Protein backbone atom coordinates (compact mmCIF):
# COMPACT_ATOMS: atom_id res chain seq x y z
CA UNK A 1 70.53 35.69 2.73
CA UNK A 2 68.05 38.41 3.78
CA UNK A 3 67.25 39.02 0.10
CA UNK A 4 66.62 35.33 -0.47
CA UNK A 5 64.35 35.14 2.61
CA UNK A 6 62.36 38.20 1.50
CA UNK A 7 61.94 36.73 -1.95
CA UNK A 8 60.68 33.47 -0.42
CA UNK A 9 58.15 35.28 1.79
CA UNK A 10 56.87 37.36 -1.13
CA UNK A 11 56.53 34.27 -3.32
CA UNK A 12 54.72 32.39 -0.56
CA UNK A 13 52.29 35.26 0.02
CA UNK A 14 51.64 35.59 -3.70
CA UNK A 15 50.97 31.85 -3.96
CA UNK A 16 48.56 32.04 -1.02
CA UNK A 17 46.68 34.99 -2.53
CA UNK A 18 46.43 33.25 -5.91
CA UNK A 19 45.21 30.05 -4.24
CA UNK A 20 42.60 31.98 -2.28
CA UNK A 21 41.50 33.82 -5.43
CA UNK A 22 41.24 30.54 -7.30
CA UNK A 23 39.25 29.00 -4.46
CA UNK A 24 36.93 32.00 -4.42
CA UNK A 25 36.51 31.79 -8.17
CA UNK A 26 35.81 28.07 -7.94
CA UNK A 27 33.28 28.68 -5.20
CA UNK A 28 31.63 31.42 -7.21
CA UNK A 29 31.66 29.17 -10.25
CA UNK A 30 29.88 26.40 -8.36
CA UNK A 31 27.31 28.84 -7.06
CA UNK A 32 26.65 30.29 -10.48
CA UNK A 33 26.55 26.98 -12.32
CA UNK A 34 24.19 25.30 -9.83
CA UNK A 35 21.45 27.83 -9.09
CA UNK A 36 18.47 26.71 -7.08
CA UNK A 37 15.65 26.51 -9.58
CA UNK A 38 12.13 27.20 -8.35
CA UNK A 39 10.04 24.06 -8.05
CA UNK A 40 7.03 23.56 -10.27
CA UNK A 41 4.91 23.36 -7.11
CA UNK A 42 6.07 26.64 -5.55
CA UNK A 43 3.22 28.79 -6.95
CA UNK A 44 0.65 26.40 -5.48
CA UNK A 45 2.14 25.39 -2.14
CA UNK A 46 0.67 28.05 0.13
CA UNK A 47 -2.90 27.66 -1.11
CA UNK A 48 -2.70 23.87 -1.15
CA UNK A 49 -1.40 23.66 2.40
CA UNK A 50 -4.03 26.10 3.64
CA UNK A 51 -6.87 24.14 2.03
CA UNK A 52 -5.76 20.52 2.23
CA UNK A 53 -3.21 20.10 5.02
CA UNK A 54 -5.87 18.74 7.38
CA UNK A 55 -7.01 16.15 4.85
CA UNK A 56 -3.44 15.03 4.19
CA UNK A 57 -2.76 14.85 7.93
CA UNK A 58 -5.76 12.55 8.29
CA UNK A 59 -4.30 10.28 5.62
CA UNK A 60 -0.98 10.30 7.48
CA UNK A 61 -2.80 9.25 10.65
CA UNK A 62 -4.29 6.40 8.64
CA UNK A 63 -0.78 5.48 7.46
CA UNK A 64 0.34 5.15 11.07
CA UNK A 65 -2.71 3.16 12.15
CA UNK A 66 -2.81 0.67 9.28
CA UNK A 67 -0.20 -1.78 8.07
CA UNK A 68 0.09 -1.85 4.30
CA UNK A 69 -0.53 -5.15 2.52
CA UNK A 70 2.62 -6.69 1.08
CA UNK A 71 3.33 -5.92 -2.57
CA UNK A 72 0.33 -3.60 -2.81
CA UNK A 73 -0.67 -1.11 -5.48
CA UNK A 74 -0.97 2.44 -4.10
CA UNK A 75 -3.89 4.49 -5.44
CA UNK A 76 -3.81 8.26 -4.97
CA UNK A 77 -6.12 10.92 -6.32
CA UNK A 78 -9.34 12.82 -6.00
CA UNK A 79 -12.81 11.87 -4.79
CA UNK A 80 -13.20 9.00 -7.25
CA UNK A 81 -10.39 7.29 -5.34
CA UNK A 82 -11.65 8.41 -1.92
CA UNK A 83 -15.19 7.15 -2.61
CA UNK A 84 -14.04 3.79 -3.96
CA UNK A 85 -14.85 1.88 -0.81
CA UNK A 86 -15.00 -1.49 -2.59
CA UNK A 87 -11.52 -1.10 -4.10
CA UNK A 88 -10.02 -4.00 -2.17
CA UNK A 89 -12.64 -6.38 -3.54
CA UNK A 90 -12.90 -4.83 -7.00
CA UNK A 91 -9.14 -4.95 -7.63
CA UNK A 92 -8.62 -8.59 -6.57
CA UNK A 93 -6.16 -10.27 -7.01
CA UNK A 94 -4.16 -7.07 -6.56
CA UNK A 95 -3.70 -5.86 -3.01
CA UNK A 96 -4.34 -2.15 -2.65
CA UNK A 97 -3.69 0.96 -0.58
CA UNK A 98 -6.27 3.73 -1.05
CA UNK A 99 -5.24 7.33 -0.37
CA UNK A 100 -7.64 9.78 -1.99
CA UNK A 101 -9.19 13.05 -0.88
CA UNK A 102 -12.15 14.92 -2.31
CA UNK A 103 -11.54 17.85 -4.63
CA UNK A 104 -7.90 17.05 -5.32
CA UNK A 105 -6.34 18.86 -8.26
CA UNK A 106 -3.00 18.27 -9.93
CA UNK A 107 -1.69 21.40 -8.18
CA UNK A 108 -2.17 20.16 -4.63
CA UNK A 109 -1.47 16.53 -5.57
CA UNK A 110 1.96 17.71 -6.72
CA UNK A 111 2.46 19.67 -3.50
CA UNK A 112 1.58 16.69 -1.30
CA UNK A 113 2.93 13.79 -3.36
CA UNK A 114 5.91 13.31 -1.03
CA UNK A 115 3.65 12.96 1.98
CA UNK A 116 1.34 10.63 0.08
CA UNK A 117 3.94 8.18 -1.23
CA UNK A 118 6.88 8.30 1.21
CA UNK A 119 5.23 6.23 3.96
CA UNK A 120 4.64 3.34 1.56
CA UNK A 121 6.50 0.64 -0.34
CA UNK A 122 4.36 -0.31 -3.30
CA UNK A 123 4.33 -2.51 -6.38
CA UNK A 124 2.92 0.31 -8.49
CA UNK A 125 1.45 3.77 -8.11
CA UNK A 126 -1.91 4.51 -9.76
CA UNK A 127 -3.18 8.10 -9.93
CA UNK A 128 -6.51 9.58 -10.96
CA UNK A 129 -7.20 13.30 -10.69
CA UNK A 130 -10.52 14.36 -12.18
CA UNK A 131 -10.33 18.05 -11.34
CA UNK A 132 -8.31 20.96 -12.70
CA UNK A 133 -10.27 21.37 -15.93
CA UNK A 134 -13.97 21.77 -15.17
CA UNK A 135 -15.04 24.56 -17.51
CA UNK A 136 -14.42 27.44 -15.10
CA UNK A 137 -12.20 30.52 -15.52
CA UNK A 138 -9.65 29.19 -13.02
CA UNK A 139 -9.01 26.00 -15.01
CA UNK A 140 -5.36 25.07 -15.31
CA UNK A 141 -3.74 24.92 -18.73
CA UNK A 142 -2.59 21.68 -20.35
CA UNK A 143 1.01 22.89 -19.98
CA UNK A 144 0.56 23.41 -16.24
CA UNK A 145 -1.07 20.03 -15.74
CA UNK A 146 1.58 18.23 -17.77
CA UNK A 147 4.36 19.81 -15.72
CA UNK A 148 2.62 18.88 -12.48
CA UNK A 149 2.00 15.31 -13.64
CA UNK A 150 5.66 14.95 -14.57
CA UNK A 151 6.63 16.19 -11.11
CA UNK A 152 4.37 13.61 -9.45
CA UNK A 153 5.75 10.79 -11.61
CA UNK A 154 9.34 11.86 -10.96
CA UNK A 155 8.73 11.98 -7.22
CA UNK A 156 7.43 8.41 -7.21
CA UNK A 157 10.32 7.19 -9.35
CA UNK A 158 12.80 8.88 -7.01
CA UNK A 159 11.13 7.18 -4.05
CA UNK A 160 11.09 3.74 -5.71
CA UNK A 161 13.29 3.40 -8.76
CA UNK A 162 11.84 1.21 -11.49
CA UNK A 163 8.40 0.93 -9.93
CA UNK A 164 5.72 1.71 -12.54
CA UNK A 165 3.38 4.68 -12.35
CA UNK A 166 -0.05 4.53 -14.01
CA UNK A 167 -2.05 7.61 -15.04
CA UNK A 168 -5.79 6.99 -15.41
CA UNK A 169 -7.54 8.92 -18.14
CA UNK A 170 -10.00 11.57 -16.91
CA UNK A 171 -13.54 10.23 -17.23
CA UNK A 172 -16.19 11.99 -19.33
CA UNK A 173 -19.26 12.83 -17.24
CA UNK A 174 -22.46 14.77 -17.82
CA UNK A 175 -21.73 17.43 -15.24
CA UNK A 176 -18.54 18.57 -16.97
CA UNK A 177 -19.24 17.50 -20.51
CA UNK A 178 -19.27 21.11 -21.72
CA UNK A 179 -15.54 21.12 -20.94
CA UNK A 180 -14.89 17.71 -22.49
CA UNK A 181 -13.03 19.19 -25.47
CA UNK A 182 -10.57 20.76 -23.01
CA UNK A 183 -10.35 17.64 -20.86
CA UNK A 184 -9.47 15.59 -23.94
CA UNK A 185 -6.45 17.82 -24.48
CA UNK A 186 -5.35 17.16 -20.89
CA UNK A 187 -5.83 13.43 -21.40
CA UNK A 188 -3.62 13.63 -24.48
CA UNK A 189 -0.95 15.35 -22.38
CA UNK A 190 -1.16 12.64 -19.72
CA UNK A 191 -0.72 10.04 -22.45
CA UNK A 192 2.32 11.96 -23.68
CA UNK A 193 3.81 11.95 -20.18
CA UNK A 194 3.49 8.16 -20.18
CA UNK A 195 4.90 7.79 -23.69
CA UNK A 196 7.94 9.92 -22.91
CA UNK A 197 8.75 8.68 -19.40
CA UNK A 198 10.24 5.27 -18.57
CA UNK A 199 8.18 3.04 -16.27
CA UNK A 200 5.08 5.19 -16.78
CA UNK A 201 1.82 3.99 -18.32
CA UNK A 202 -1.48 5.47 -19.41
CA UNK A 203 -4.78 3.72 -18.64
CA UNK A 204 -7.33 4.64 -21.33
CA UNK A 205 -10.89 4.53 -20.05
CA UNK A 206 -12.86 7.38 -21.61
CA UNK A 207 -14.25 5.55 -24.64
CA UNK A 208 -15.90 2.98 -22.36
CA UNK A 209 -17.86 5.72 -20.58
CA UNK A 210 -19.30 7.19 -23.78
CA UNK A 211 -22.35 6.12 -25.78
CA UNK A 212 -22.06 5.48 -29.53
CA UNK A 213 -23.25 9.05 -30.09
CA UNK A 214 -20.31 10.37 -28.05
CA UNK A 215 -22.24 11.44 -24.94
CA UNK A 216 -21.54 10.19 -21.39
CA UNK A 217 -23.20 7.01 -20.18
CA UNK A 218 -25.32 8.42 -17.37
CA UNK A 219 -26.16 4.97 -16.01
CA UNK A 220 -22.57 4.68 -14.74
CA UNK A 221 -22.81 7.71 -12.43
CA UNK A 222 -24.64 8.66 -9.24
CA UNK A 223 -27.24 11.43 -9.19
CA UNK A 224 -24.65 14.22 -9.15
CA UNK A 225 -23.64 13.13 -12.69
CA UNK A 226 -20.00 13.41 -11.64
CA UNK A 227 -19.06 10.45 -9.46
CA UNK A 228 -19.17 6.78 -10.40
CA UNK A 229 -21.84 4.45 -9.08
CA UNK A 230 -21.38 0.73 -8.45
CA UNK A 231 -21.67 -0.13 -12.14
CA UNK A 232 -19.18 2.62 -12.97
CA UNK A 233 -16.65 1.30 -10.49
CA UNK A 234 -17.17 -2.23 -11.80
CA UNK A 235 -16.27 -1.06 -15.29
CA UNK A 236 -13.39 1.09 -14.06
CA UNK A 237 -11.89 -1.78 -12.09
CA UNK A 238 -12.04 -4.11 -15.10
CA UNK A 239 -10.12 -1.61 -17.22
CA UNK A 240 -7.54 -0.83 -14.53
CA UNK A 241 -6.98 -4.49 -13.63
CA UNK A 242 -6.48 -5.39 -17.28
CA UNK A 243 -3.86 -2.68 -17.76
CA UNK A 244 -1.98 -3.59 -14.59
CA UNK A 245 -2.03 -7.25 -15.56
CA UNK A 246 -0.65 -6.54 -19.04
CA UNK A 247 2.16 -4.36 -17.75
CA UNK A 248 3.18 -6.69 -14.93
CA UNK A 249 3.24 -9.66 -17.33
CA UNK A 250 5.36 -7.70 -19.75
CA UNK A 251 7.74 -6.70 -16.95
CA UNK A 252 8.01 -10.34 -15.87
CA UNK A 253 8.69 -11.44 -19.45
CA UNK A 254 11.40 -8.80 -19.81
CA UNK A 255 12.98 -9.77 -16.50
CA UNK A 256 12.98 -13.42 -17.55
CA UNK A 257 14.67 -12.61 -20.84
CA UNK A 258 17.29 -10.45 -19.15
CA UNK A 259 18.08 -13.21 -16.66
CA UNK A 260 18.72 -15.63 -19.51
CA UNK A 261 15.39 -17.42 -19.35
CA UNK A 262 14.86 -18.30 -22.99
CA UNK A 263 12.02 -20.75 -22.42
CA UNK A 264 9.54 -20.49 -25.29
CA UNK A 265 6.00 -19.49 -24.27
CA UNK A 266 3.47 -22.27 -24.33
CA UNK A 267 0.88 -22.47 -27.05
CA UNK A 268 -1.88 -20.00 -26.40
CA UNK A 269 0.39 -17.84 -24.25
CA UNK A 270 -0.70 -14.18 -24.19
CA UNK A 271 2.91 -13.00 -24.33
CA UNK A 272 2.84 -11.86 -27.94
CA UNK A 273 -0.25 -9.74 -27.29
CA UNK A 274 0.83 -8.46 -23.89
CA UNK A 275 4.07 -6.76 -24.83
CA UNK A 276 2.51 -4.24 -27.24
CA UNK A 277 -0.26 -3.52 -24.74
CA UNK A 278 2.28 -2.74 -22.05
CA UNK A 279 4.13 -0.07 -23.95
CA UNK A 280 3.76 3.48 -22.66
CA UNK A 281 0.51 4.35 -24.39
């Protein structure tokens, strides 16, 4: 009897040790297989917070003081968004929320995107960032900007699944035209982000701001040769409205087809021309 009892105790202890070892191995396996990867924004966070936290806090104060229009389009970005004081009128019939700050780059936009989008429920997110490649030694590379843009898009999609994100092409201007060949590469990367990411769209604008000889149309900019004037914003708004309209119509057509609405479009309907325009390009 004593021998049987000893054997039982030994077996129980061995089973317990094995179970604990297996649990430890499982825990170690989980830890090893799910490492915490550094975020794409980590290298830029400290500098961005030091420089721009006050500006973002001011936008957050605005969020608390103002009620968003229903079903609005949220615009975020650099000074071209901040200075667009006639946006509400220019973008009619779309309702808008304007959250821009001067000097924004893709680096700090990626750092602050959570704080910029989380307070809002929006029909679409539209982003324009005109800085980051200006012809200076501290310009960011196309790879860096693409990674940051993807982070911004992913953050919006995580916040509101299925809501489209629009990336506006960087505008050619006289002040930075010496760097235009580099900016064009960045624009191509932004287009690629849209092409390769669901619910993401590129808004091409650059060709409309260039003369036939390929130089910037100075009459569309204020005296600093960098920021848009009233005529520039008029043109910009036409291009942005047209793209939003095409995409929203295409989304509505797709939703109708998926719900079993097989009604044929009326004669003269733009449907056949809208769907190609609303692809991610």
